[in-house]
C-alpha atoms as a PDB file:
ATOM      1  CA  MET A   1     -93.436 209.380 201.470  1.00  0.00           C
ATOM      2  CA  PRO A   2     -94.775 209.755 197.923  1.00  0.00           C
ATOM      3  CA  THR A   3     -96.040 213.116 196.901  1.00  0.00           C
ATOM      4  CA  THR A   4     -99.378 213.508 195.217  1.00  0.00           C
ATOM      5  CA  SER A   5    -100.397 216.266 192.934  1.00  0.00           C
ATOM      6  CA  PRO A   6    -103.636 218.107 193.672  1.00  0.00           C
ATOM      7  CA  THR A   7    -105.184 216.906 190.384  1.00  0.00           C
ATOM      8  CA  ALA A   8    -104.298 213.187 190.728  1.00  0.00           C
ATOM      9  CA  PRO A   9    -106.887 211.006 192.509  1.00  0.00           C
ATOM     10  CA  ALA A  10    -105.738 209.051 195.573  1.00  0.00           C
ATOM     11  CA  ARG A  11    -105.319 205.289 194.971  1.00  0.00           C
ATOM     12  CA  ASP A  12    -105.458 202.519 197.538  1.00  0.00           C
ATOM     13  CA  VAL A  13    -103.232 199.538 196.687  1.00  0.00           C
ATOM     14  CA  VAL A  14    -104.061 196.198 198.294  1.00  0.00           C
ATOM     15  CA  VAL A  15    -101.603 193.318 197.970  1.00  0.00           C
ATOM     16  CA  CYS A  16    -102.805 189.842 198.896  1.00  0.00           C
ATOM     17  CA  ALA A  17    -100.719 186.719 199.340  1.00  0.00           C
ATOM     18  CA  LYS A  18    -101.338 183.924 196.841  1.00  0.00           C
ATOM     19  CA  LYS A  19    -103.394 181.076 198.263  1.00  0.00           C
ATOM     20  CA  LYS A  20    -102.328 177.470 198.021  1.00  0.00           C
ATOM     21  CA  GLY A  21    -104.034 176.130 194.913  1.00  0.00           C
ATOM     22  CA  ILE A  22    -106.034 172.959 194.508  1.00  0.00           C
ATOM     23  CA  ARG A  23    -104.131 171.902 191.382  1.00  0.00           C
ATOM     24  CA  LEU A  24    -100.709 170.305 191.887  1.00  0.00           C
ATOM     25  CA  ILE A  25     -97.867 169.872 189.412  1.00  0.00           C
ATOM     26  CA  VAL A  26     -96.840 166.197 189.384  1.00  0.00           C
ATOM     27  CA  THR A  27     -94.168 164.173 187.555  1.00  0.00           C
ATOM     28  CA  LEU A  28     -95.009 160.861 185.890  1.00  0.00           C
ATOM     29  CA  GLU A  29     -92.222 158.291 185.366  1.00  0.00           C
ATOM     30  CA  CYS A  30     -92.213 155.103 183.291  1.00  0.00           C
ATOM     31  CA  THR A  31     -92.350 151.947 185.419  1.00  0.00           C
ATOM     32  CA  GLU A  32     -91.358 149.422 182.733  1.00  0.00           C
ATOM     33  CA  ALA A  33     -88.129 151.174 181.735  1.00  0.00           C
ATOM     34  CA  ARG A  34     -87.009 151.373 185.356  1.00  0.00           C
ATOM     35  CA  GLY A  35     -87.470 147.600 185.725  1.00  0.00           C
ATOM     36  CA  LEU A  36     -85.459 146.932 182.555  1.00  0.00           C
ATOM     37  CA  GLY A  37     -82.641 149.288 183.547  1.00  0.00           C
ATOM     38  CA  GLU A  38     -83.370 151.590 180.591  1.00  0.00           C
ATOM     39  CA  THR A  39     -83.720 155.366 180.674  1.00  0.00           C
ATOM     40  CA  PRO A  40     -87.166 156.160 182.125  1.00  0.00           C
ATOM     41  CA  SER A  41     -89.243 158.762 180.326  1.00  0.00           C
ATOM     42  CA  ARG A  42     -90.840 161.483 182.429  1.00  0.00           C
ATOM     43  CA  TYR A  43     -93.861 163.677 181.868  1.00  0.00           C
ATOM     44  CA  VAL A  44     -95.029 166.710 183.865  1.00  0.00           C
ATOM     45  CA  THR A  45     -98.754 167.316 184.288  1.00  0.00           C
ATOM     46  CA  GLN A  46    -101.294 168.744 186.726  1.00  0.00           C
ATOM     47  CA  LYS A  47    -103.834 167.007 188.911  1.00  0.00           C
ATOM     48  CA  ASN A  48    -106.705 168.213 191.046  1.00  0.00           C
ATOM     49  CA  ARG A  49    -105.976 167.548 194.726  1.00  0.00           C
ATOM     50  CA  LYS A  50    -109.665 167.168 195.651  1.00  0.00           C
ATOM     51  CA  ASN A  51    -110.711 164.779 192.869  1.00  0.00           C
ATOM     52  CA  THR A  52    -107.625 162.527 192.787  1.00  0.00           C
ATOM     53  CA  ALA A  53    -106.068 162.126 196.214  1.00  0.00           C
ATOM     54  CA  GLU A  54    -104.271 158.894 195.298  1.00  0.00           C
ATOM     55  CA  ARG A  55    -101.235 158.686 193.016  1.00  0.00           C
ATOM     56  CA  LEU A  56    -101.867 159.265 189.327  1.00  0.00           C
ATOM     57  CA  GLU A  57    -101.238 156.423 186.844  1.00  0.00           C
ATOM     58  CA  LEU A  58    -101.511 156.935 183.061  1.00  0.00           C
ATOM     59  CA  ARG A  59    -100.456 155.179 179.876  1.00  0.00           C
ATOM     60  CA  LYS A  60     -98.039 157.459 178.029  1.00  0.00           C
ATOM     61  CA  TYR A  61     -95.556 157.025 175.177  1.00  0.00           C
ATOM     62  CA  ASN A  62     -91.961 156.132 176.090  1.00  0.00           C
ATOM     63  CA  PRO A  63     -89.657 157.236 173.235  1.00  0.00           C
ATOM     64  CA  PHE A  64     -86.761 155.104 174.514  1.00  0.00           C
ATOM     65  CA  LEU A  65     -88.804 151.882 174.367  1.00  0.00           C
ATOM     66  CA  ARG A  66     -90.866 153.159 171.395  1.00  0.00           C
ATOM     67  CA  ARG A  67     -94.208 152.058 172.804  1.00  0.00           C
ATOM     68  CA  HIS A  68     -96.909 153.105 175.265  1.00  0.00           C
ATOM     69  CA  THR A  69     -96.186 152.135 178.868  1.00  0.00           C
ATOM     70  CA  VAL A  70     -97.623 152.764 182.332  1.00  0.00           C
ATOM     71  CA  HIS A  71     -96.333 155.961 183.955  1.00  0.00           C
ATOM     72  CA  LYS A  72     -96.840 156.490 187.688  1.00  0.00           C
ATOM     73  CA  GLU A  73     -96.654 159.642 189.756  1.00  0.00           C
ATOM     74  CA  ILE A  74     -93.362 160.069 191.608  1.00  0.00           C
ATOM     75  CA  LYS A  75     -92.659 162.283 194.587  1.00  0.00           C
END
């Protein structure tokens, strides 16, 4: 049991568990490089679970193919 001095004020400490957030961390992988057998580039980003329930699909740069390609969300 911690001791308190007569001059120190008493403090109440409340610890709460972290809630499950709305924003998810997702990985995007190149679809064209996978079809060609090349090394697929991957990007990590966040998405809002409420606004975009379906899988995310963006055009990003693939440094192995040296052009912009379609990257889809992987599990």
